[in-house]
Amino acid sequence: MPLYDFHCMRCNDVTALMRTIARRDDPQRCEACGELRQRSVSGPAVHLSAMSKVERADPKYDRMVDRAIRNTPSADPERLLRKLKPFSGARDS
């Protein structure tokens, strides 16, 4: 169900209510003053994907993470890869 904003003209109270599309224009009373509310246009909700959030990240953030990894060896994600030893003496089957 979509959210609709209802605005009270007397006390300027704005409330978002979840309504079906068929009942979106049903009269709503203001909880503060009892006046009838009017449905108002609200901004659309935009959900960003994780990748788009990364793309919008401030480049300073990447430098901060790199600096933190350099200053804290245990935070380096590749530290375990550097500890790996190559397989020697592996048998061919």
C-alpha atoms as a PDB file:
ATOM      1  CA  MET A   1       0.000   0.000   0.000  1.00  0.00           C
ATOM      2  CA  PRO A   2       1.321   3.450  -0.835  1.00  0.00           C
ATOM      3  CA  LEU A   3       1.839   6.258   1.669  1.00  0.00           C
ATOM      4  CA  TYR A   4      -0.099   9.487   1.197  1.00  0.00           C
ATOM      5  CA  ASP A   5       0.559  12.801   2.941  1.00  0.00           C
ATOM      6  CA  PHE A   6      -2.434  14.623   4.398  1.00  0.00           C
ATOM      7  CA  HIS A   7      -2.125  18.317   5.274  1.00  0.00           C
ATOM      8  CA  CYS A   8      -4.344  20.198   7.738  1.00  0.00           C
ATOM      9  CA  MET A   9      -5.057  23.726   6.525  1.00  0.00           C
ATOM     10  CA  ARG A  10      -5.902  25.007  10.032  1.00  0.00           C
ATOM     11  CA  CYS A  11      -2.896  23.846  12.094  1.00  0.00           C
ATOM     12  CA  ASN A  12      -0.449  22.889   9.273  1.00  0.00           C
ATOM     13  CA  ASP A  13      -0.064  19.361  10.652  1.00  0.00           C
ATOM     14  CA  VAL A  14       1.175  16.875   8.045  1.00  0.00           C
ATOM     15  CA  THR A  15       0.622  13.151   8.504  1.00  0.00           C
ATOM     16  CA  ALA A  16       1.613  10.265   6.251  1.00  0.00           C
ATOM     17  CA  LEU A  17      -0.999   7.516   6.083  1.00  0.00           C
ATOM     18  CA  MET A  18      -0.916   4.161   4.362  1.00  0.00           C
ATOM     19  CA  ARG A  19      -4.011   3.952   2.168  1.00  0.00           C
ATOM     20  CA  THR A  20      -5.185   1.843  -0.725  1.00  0.00           C
ATOM     21  CA  ILE A  21      -5.365   3.673  -4.038  1.00  0.00           C
ATOM     22  CA  ALA A  22      -9.145   3.298  -4.058  1.00  0.00           C
ATOM     23  CA  ARG A  23      -9.426   4.993  -0.618  1.00  0.00           C
ATOM     24  CA  ARG A  24      -6.721   7.637  -1.059  1.00  0.00           C
ATOM     25  CA  ASP A  25      -9.231  10.526  -1.217  1.00  0.00           C
ATOM     26  CA  ASP A  26     -11.407   9.430   1.720  1.00  0.00           C
ATOM     27  CA  PRO A  27     -11.852  12.290   4.195  1.00  0.00           C
ATOM     28  CA  GLN A  28      -9.295  12.353   7.011  1.00  0.00           C
ATOM     29  CA  ARG A  29      -9.680  14.313  10.248  1.00  0.00           C
ATOM     30  CA  CYS A  30      -6.705  16.070  11.817  1.00  0.00           C
ATOM     31  CA  GLU A  31      -5.741  14.469  15.113  1.00  0.00           C
ATOM     32  CA  ALA A  32      -4.607  17.825  16.518  1.00  0.00           C
ATOM     33  CA  CYS A  33      -7.573  20.083  15.724  1.00  0.00           C
ATOM     34  CA  GLY A  34     -10.272  17.875  14.147  1.00  0.00           C
ATOM     35  CA  GLU A  35     -10.354  19.785  10.834  1.00  0.00           C
ATOM     36  CA  LEU A  36     -10.615  17.831   7.578  1.00  0.00           C
ATOM     37  CA  ARG A  37      -7.219  17.247   5.956  1.00  0.00           C
ATOM     38  CA  GLN A  38      -6.395  17.523   2.275  1.00  0.00           C
ATOM     39  CA  ARG A  39      -4.189  15.039   0.476  1.00  0.00           C
ATOM     40  CA  SER A  40      -0.973  16.743  -0.601  1.00  0.00           C
ATOM     41  CA  VAL A  41       1.737  15.834  -3.057  1.00  0.00           C
ATOM     42  CA  SER A  42       4.705  14.217  -1.387  1.00  0.00           C
ATOM     43  CA  GLY A  43       8.190  13.548  -2.663  1.00  0.00           C
ATOM     44  CA  PRO A  44       8.914  10.159  -4.189  1.00  0.00           C
ATOM     45  CA  ALA A  45      10.865   7.558  -2.260  1.00  0.00           C
ATOM     46  CA  VAL A  46      14.113   6.576  -3.929  1.00  0.00           C
ATOM     47  CA  HIS A  47      15.895   3.395  -2.910  1.00  0.00           C
ATOM     48  CA  LEU A  48      19.530   3.258  -3.930  1.00  0.00           C
ATOM     49  CA  SER A  49      21.338   0.022  -4.628  1.00  0.00           C
ATOM     50  CA  ALA A  50      24.499  -0.752  -2.705  1.00  0.00           C
ATOM     51  CA  MET A  51      26.593  -0.114  -5.807  1.00  0.00           C
ATOM     52  CA  SER A  52      25.075   3.322  -6.426  1.00  0.00           C
ATOM     53  CA  LYS A  53      25.759   4.231  -2.774  1.00  0.00           C
ATOM     54  CA  VAL A  54      29.407   3.255  -3.246  1.00  0.00           C
ATOM     55  CA  GLU A  55      29.620   5.319  -6.437  1.00  0.00           C
ATOM     56  CA  ARG A  56      28.242   8.364  -4.609  1.00  0.00           C
ATOM     57  CA  ALA A  57      30.666   8.008  -1.695  1.00  0.00           C
ATOM     58  CA  ASP A  58      33.082  10.823  -1.072  1.00  0.00           C
ATOM     59  CA  PRO A  59      36.593  10.037  -2.387  1.00  0.00           C
ATOM     60  CA  LYS A  60      37.954  11.207   0.971  1.00  0.00           C
ATOM     61  CA  TYR A  61      36.324   8.130   2.495  1.00  0.00           C
ATOM     62  CA  ASP A  62      38.512   5.792   0.388  1.00  0.00           C
ATOM     63  CA  ARG A  63      41.638   7.638   1.510  1.00  0.00           C
ATOM     64  CA  MET A  64      40.520   7.426   5.144  1.00  0.00           C
ATOM     65  CA  VAL A  65      40.011   3.655   4.846  1.00  0.00           C
ATOM     66  CA  ASP A  66      43.399   3.193   3.153  1.00  0.00           C
ATOM     67  CA  ARG A  67      45.095   5.241   5.878  1.00  0.00           C
ATOM     68  CA  ALA A  68      43.357   3.225   8.609  1.00  0.00           C
ATOM     69  CA  ILE A  69      44.447  -0.060   7.002  1.00  0.00           C
ATOM     70  CA  ARG A  70      48.054   1.174   6.766  1.00  0.00           C
ATOM     71  CA  ASN A  71      48.020   2.231  10.431  1.00  0.00           C
ATOM     72  CA  THR A  72      46.323  -0.944  11.691  1.00  0.00           C
ATOM     73  CA  PRO A  73      47.902  -4.121  10.299  1.00  0.00           C
ATOM     74  CA  SER A  74      45.125  -6.325  11.703  1.00  0.00           C
ATOM     75  CA  ALA A  75      42.580  -4.395   9.591  1.00  0.00           C
ATOM     76  CA  ASP A  76      44.316  -5.218   6.304  1.00  0.00           C
ATOM     77  CA  PRO A  77      41.987  -7.547   4.348  1.00  0.00           C
ATOM     78  CA  GLU A  78      44.945  -9.100   2.479  1.00  0.00           C
ATOM     79  CA  ARG A  79      46.986  -9.990   5.574  1.00  0.00           C
ATOM     80  CA  LEU A  80      45.764 -13.588   5.506  1.00  0.00           C
ATOM     81  CA  LEU A  81      46.558 -13.951   1.808  1.00  0.00           C
ATOM     82  CA  ARG A  82      50.154 -12.915   2.443  1.00  0.00           C
ATOM     83  CA  LYS A  83      50.491 -15.677   5.059  1.00  0.00           C
ATOM     84  CA  LEU A  84      49.568 -18.397   2.576  1.00  0.00           C
ATOM     85  CA  LYS A  85      52.379 -20.670   1.391  1.00  0.00           C
ATOM     86  CA  PRO A  86      52.451 -22.130  -2.105  1.00  0.00           C
ATOM     87  CA  PHE A  87      51.707 -25.820  -2.448  1.00  0.00           C
ATOM     88  CA  SER A  88      54.967 -27.663  -2.918  1.00  0.00           C
ATOM     89  CA  GLY A  89      55.306 -31.262  -3.857  1.00  0.00           C
ATOM     90  CA  ALA A  90      51.771 -31.585  -5.099  1.00  0.00           C
ATOM     91  CA  ARG A  91      51.231 -34.884  -6.853  1.00  0.00           C
ATOM     92  CA  ASP A  92      49.769 -35.160 -10.312  1.00  0.00           C
ATOM     93  CA  SER A  93      47.088 -37.837 -10.485  1.00  0.00           C
END
